Protein backbone atom coordinates (compact mmCIF):
# COMPACT_ATOMS: atom_id res chain seq x y z
CA MET A 1 73.00 -76.16 -142.90
CA LYS A 2 69.57 -74.52 -142.86
CA PRO A 3 69.35 -70.93 -144.16
CA THR A 4 68.44 -69.57 -140.69
CA ARG A 5 71.48 -71.22 -139.06
CA MET A 6 73.73 -70.03 -141.89
CA ILE A 7 72.61 -66.43 -141.36
CA MET A 8 73.24 -66.72 -137.61
CA ALA A 9 76.72 -68.16 -138.20
CA LEU A 10 77.62 -65.34 -140.56
CA THR A 11 76.37 -62.79 -138.07
CA VAL A 12 78.54 -64.25 -135.30
CA ALA A 13 81.58 -64.38 -137.60
CA LEU A 14 81.17 -60.74 -138.55
CA GLY A 15 80.82 -59.77 -134.90
CA LEU A 16 84.04 -61.57 -133.96
CA SER A 17 85.83 -59.92 -136.85
CA ALA A 18 84.77 -56.51 -135.57
CA CYS A 19 86.00 -57.28 -132.02
CA GLY A 20 89.32 -58.43 -133.38
CA SER A 21 89.87 -55.07 -135.04
CA VAL A 22 89.57 -53.05 -131.81
CA ASP A 23 93.28 -53.15 -130.96
CA THR A 24 94.57 -52.42 -134.47
CA ALA A 25 96.78 -49.35 -134.26
CA MET A 26 96.58 -46.63 -136.91
CA ARG A 27 99.55 -44.29 -137.25
CA ASN A 28 98.90 -40.56 -137.54
CA ALA A 29 95.16 -40.45 -138.03
CA THR A 30 93.58 -37.05 -138.52
CA THR A 31 91.12 -36.83 -135.64
CA SER A 32 91.41 -33.93 -133.22
CA ALA A 33 91.89 -34.04 -129.46
CA PRO A 34 90.93 -31.74 -126.58
CA GLY A 35 93.39 -28.91 -126.13
CA VAL A 36 95.09 -29.36 -129.50
CA GLU A 37 94.67 -26.53 -131.98
CA THR A 38 93.80 -28.23 -135.22
CA ALA A 39 91.94 -25.78 -137.42
CA PRO A 40 90.66 -27.16 -140.75
CA HIS A 41 93.72 -25.73 -142.50
CA ALA A 42 96.06 -27.28 -139.91
CA GLN A 43 95.10 -30.93 -139.66
CA PRO A 44 97.52 -33.28 -137.85
CA ALA A 45 100.26 -34.63 -140.08
CA THR A 46 99.87 -37.97 -141.83
CA ARG A 47 102.63 -40.46 -142.63
CA ALA A 48 102.78 -39.15 -146.19
CA ASP A 49 103.79 -35.76 -144.76
CA MET A 50 106.97 -37.14 -143.15
CA VAL A 51 110.54 -36.85 -144.46
CA LEU A 52 113.79 -38.27 -143.12
CA SER A 53 115.81 -36.10 -140.78
CA VAL A 54 118.87 -36.33 -143.05
CA GLN A 55 117.02 -33.87 -145.27
CA SER A 56 116.33 -31.47 -142.41
CA GLU A 57 118.07 -29.57 -139.65
CA PRO A 58 118.48 -31.79 -136.54
CA TYR A 59 116.75 -30.94 -133.28
CA ALA A 60 118.27 -30.31 -129.86
CA VAL A 61 115.49 -30.95 -127.37
CA THR A 62 115.71 -28.47 -124.47
CA GLN A 63 112.34 -29.06 -122.84
CA ILE A 64 109.56 -31.66 -122.83
CA ASN A 65 106.00 -30.95 -121.72
CA VAL A 66 103.56 -33.81 -121.17
CA THR A 67 99.86 -33.07 -120.76
CA VAL A 68 97.22 -35.57 -119.68
CA PRO A 69 93.90 -33.70 -119.89
CA GLU A 70 91.55 -34.08 -116.93
CA THR A 71 88.80 -34.70 -119.48
CA LEU A 72 90.23 -38.15 -120.18
CA LYS A 73 88.01 -40.76 -118.53
CA VAL A 74 89.63 -43.13 -116.02
CA SER A 75 88.29 -46.60 -115.22
CA GLU A 76 89.12 -48.75 -112.19
CA ALA A 77 86.72 -51.51 -113.29
CA ASN A 78 88.36 -54.93 -113.18
CA THR A 79 86.97 -56.11 -116.51
CA TYR A 80 88.67 -57.35 -119.65
CA PHE A 81 88.30 -54.10 -121.60
CA PRO A 82 86.97 -51.09 -119.65
CA ASN A 83 85.34 -48.32 -121.64
CA ALA A 84 87.75 -45.51 -120.74
CA ASP A 85 90.62 -43.37 -121.99
CA ILE A 86 92.97 -44.27 -119.14
CA VAL A 87 93.43 -47.77 -117.73
CA TRP A 88 96.43 -48.06 -115.44
CA ARG A 89 96.82 -50.34 -112.40
CA GLU A 90 100.51 -51.00 -111.74
CA ASP A 91 100.96 -47.96 -109.49
CA PRO A 92 99.08 -47.74 -106.17
CA PHE A 93 95.55 -46.36 -106.39
CA GLY A 94 95.76 -42.61 -106.86
CA ASN A 95 95.69 -39.87 -109.47
CA ARG A 96 95.97 -41.84 -112.70
CA HIS A 97 96.42 -38.71 -114.80
CA GLU A 98 99.54 -37.79 -112.83
CA GLN A 99 100.85 -41.35 -112.91
CA VAL A 100 100.49 -41.54 -116.69
CA GLN A 101 102.12 -38.13 -117.07
CA ALA A 102 105.13 -39.31 -115.05
CA ILE A 103 105.50 -42.48 -117.13
CA VAL A 104 105.35 -40.65 -120.45
CA LEU A 105 107.64 -37.83 -119.31
CA ASP A 106 110.28 -40.34 -118.19
CA ALA A 107 110.02 -42.20 -121.51
CA ALA A 108 110.15 -39.01 -123.60
CA THR A 109 113.14 -37.70 -121.65
CA ARG A 110 115.07 -40.88 -122.36
CA GLY A 111 113.93 -40.94 -125.97
CA ALA A 112 115.04 -37.35 -126.57
CA ALA A 113 118.39 -37.70 -124.76
CA SER A 114 120.33 -38.36 -127.97
CA HIS A 115 118.77 -35.33 -129.70
CA ASP A 116 121.16 -32.74 -128.27
CA LYS A 117 122.62 -31.11 -131.38
CA GLY A 118 120.89 -28.78 -133.81
CA ARG A 119 118.04 -26.30 -133.55
CA PRO A 120 116.88 -25.91 -129.91
CA VAL A 121 113.27 -27.07 -129.64
CA ILE A 122 110.53 -27.78 -127.14
CA VAL A 123 108.52 -30.99 -127.49
CA ASP A 124 104.89 -30.99 -126.39
CA ILE A 125 103.10 -34.30 -125.87
CA GLN A 126 99.38 -34.53 -125.20
CA ILE A 127 98.01 -37.92 -124.25
CA THR A 128 94.63 -38.88 -125.69
CA ARG A 129 94.59 -42.55 -124.66
CA PHE A 130 96.63 -44.72 -122.27
CA HIS A 131 95.19 -48.22 -122.08
CA ALA A 132 97.22 -50.84 -120.20
CA LEU A 133 95.81 -54.06 -118.72
CA THR A 134 93.41 -54.59 -115.85
CA GLU A 135 94.25 -57.19 -113.22
CA LYS A 136 91.73 -59.60 -114.74
CA THR A 137 93.25 -59.34 -118.21
CA ARG A 138 96.87 -59.40 -117.05
CA TYR A 139 96.52 -62.59 -115.05
CA THR A 140 94.53 -64.43 -117.73
CA ILE A 141 94.56 -63.81 -121.47
CA GLY A 142 96.83 -60.76 -121.86
CA GLY A 143 96.15 -58.23 -124.58
CA THR A 144 97.52 -54.95 -125.91
CA HIS A 145 98.92 -51.77 -124.39
CA ASP A 146 97.29 -49.06 -126.49
CA ILE A 147 98.67 -45.50 -126.31
CA HIS A 148 97.74 -42.44 -128.39
CA PHE A 149 99.25 -38.99 -128.21
CA TYR A 150 99.88 -35.78 -130.10
CA LEU A 151 103.49 -34.67 -130.57
CA THR A 152 104.23 -31.04 -131.40
CA VAL A 153 107.66 -29.47 -131.93
CA ARG A 154 108.20 -25.76 -131.19
CA ASP A 155 111.13 -23.39 -131.48
CA ALA A 156 112.72 -23.06 -128.03
CA ALA A 157 113.35 -19.33 -128.40
CA THR A 158 110.09 -18.14 -129.94
CA GLY A 159 107.59 -20.90 -129.11
CA GLU A 160 106.62 -21.04 -132.80
CA LYS A 161 105.29 -24.38 -134.01
CA LEU A 162 107.78 -25.82 -136.49
CA GLU A 163 105.59 -28.68 -137.69
CA ARG A 164 101.99 -29.75 -137.75
CA PRO A 165 101.03 -31.76 -134.67
CA ARG A 166 101.31 -35.51 -135.24
CA LEU A 167 98.75 -37.92 -133.89
CA ILE A 168 100.65 -41.09 -132.99
CA GLU A 169 98.76 -44.27 -132.18
CA THR A 170 100.94 -47.11 -130.97
CA SER A 171 100.33 -50.54 -129.47
CA LEU A 172 102.50 -53.05 -127.65
CA LYS A 173 101.74 -56.71 -126.98
CA ALA A 174 100.79 -57.12 -123.31
CA TYR A 175 101.64 -60.38 -121.61
CA GLY A 176 99.08 -62.39 -119.69
CA GLY A 177 99.00 -65.35 -117.33
CA ALA A 178 102.22 -67.28 -116.74
CA ARG A 179 104.11 -65.19 -119.28
CA ALA A 180 103.23 -62.00 -117.42
CA LEU A 181 104.45 -63.48 -114.13
CA GLU A 182 107.68 -64.66 -115.76
CA ALA A 183 108.28 -61.21 -117.28
CA MET A 184 107.67 -59.54 -113.92
CA SER A 185 110.22 -61.85 -112.29
CA ARG A 186 112.80 -60.43 -114.73
CA GLY A 187 111.82 -56.85 -113.93
CA GLN A 188 109.80 -56.50 -117.14
CA THR A 189 106.76 -54.92 -115.56
CA GLN A 190 104.06 -53.16 -117.56
CA LYS A 191 105.61 -49.82 -116.65
CA VAL A 192 109.09 -50.86 -117.77
CA ARG A 193 107.90 -52.32 -121.07
CA ILE A 194 105.63 -49.38 -121.90
CA SER A 195 108.29 -46.83 -120.96
CA ASP A 196 110.96 -48.55 -123.05
CA HIS A 197 108.57 -48.80 -125.99
CA LEU A 198 107.64 -45.10 -125.82
CA ALA A 199 111.28 -44.01 -125.39
CA ALA A 200 112.28 -45.84 -128.58
CA LEU A 201 109.23 -44.55 -130.45
CA ILE A 202 109.75 -40.90 -129.48
CA ALA A 203 113.46 -41.11 -130.38
CA GLN A 204 112.39 -42.37 -133.80
CA GLU A 205 109.70 -39.71 -134.22
CA LEU A 206 112.25 -36.95 -133.61
CA ASN A 207 114.19 -38.26 -136.60
CA VAL A 208 111.40 -37.39 -139.02
CA ARG A 209 109.66 -34.17 -139.93
CA SER A 210 106.06 -33.34 -140.76
CA LEU A 211 104.81 -30.51 -142.94
CA PRO A 212 105.62 -27.03 -141.62
CA ALA A 213 102.94 -25.57 -139.38
CA PRO A 214 100.77 -23.16 -141.39
CA ALA A 215 101.12 -19.47 -140.71
CA GLU A 216 98.76 -18.03 -138.14
CA PRO A 217 95.69 -16.49 -139.85
CA LEU A 218 95.70 -12.71 -140.03
CA ARG A 219 93.59 -11.02 -137.36
CA THR A 220 90.82 -8.89 -138.87
CA SER A 221 88.55 -6.21 -137.49
CA ALA A 222 85.37 -7.29 -135.78
CA LEU A 223 83.49 -5.25 -138.42
CA SER A 224 83.13 -6.88 -141.82
CA ALA A 225 81.26 -6.17 -144.98
CA ASN A 226 78.05 -8.11 -145.56
């Protein structure tokens, strides 16, 4: 192989490798999201910050709040991988933010159902990405359902944050072509599979603890010494 062709081949190989890494999920990264208070001293929890619930007081979930910020970009483009935060097609055309909120709230409610004994808490979930399949992808090659969200646990009586917010990035294999049609015939729609996956994941997340939320910084006078 001539040197020029070898360089071109290596370039193509590296490009394919980069594309293949797009759907790799990373658990509890430390990036921030709109609407989440993550001061430098209060970064989202990492996996190393987690401990098993047997070492901690159990939670009794009394309320779940799901937020899907309007700042999240929605795409209706029927391409293989739209550049957007929200890609959802299985419900009729409408407000995708509200549709995603309903899906996640249903899943979280089922996931938290068994957490009914212990310290009463409120669970806040803020979606940062909800990427299901477009029609083109679903009926051809399939792909990955990619969902990211922050989970925050607060005391039900005081509203105090009990843990640092966790950034959870999860993915689920998405069927395509004949396999997608076969799954749909059994009632395993995208919505059902995603909801079941999130319910199991949230139930699991409520069995672990992150580092305690740091104390609120003391408020100081507007006047300060130079």
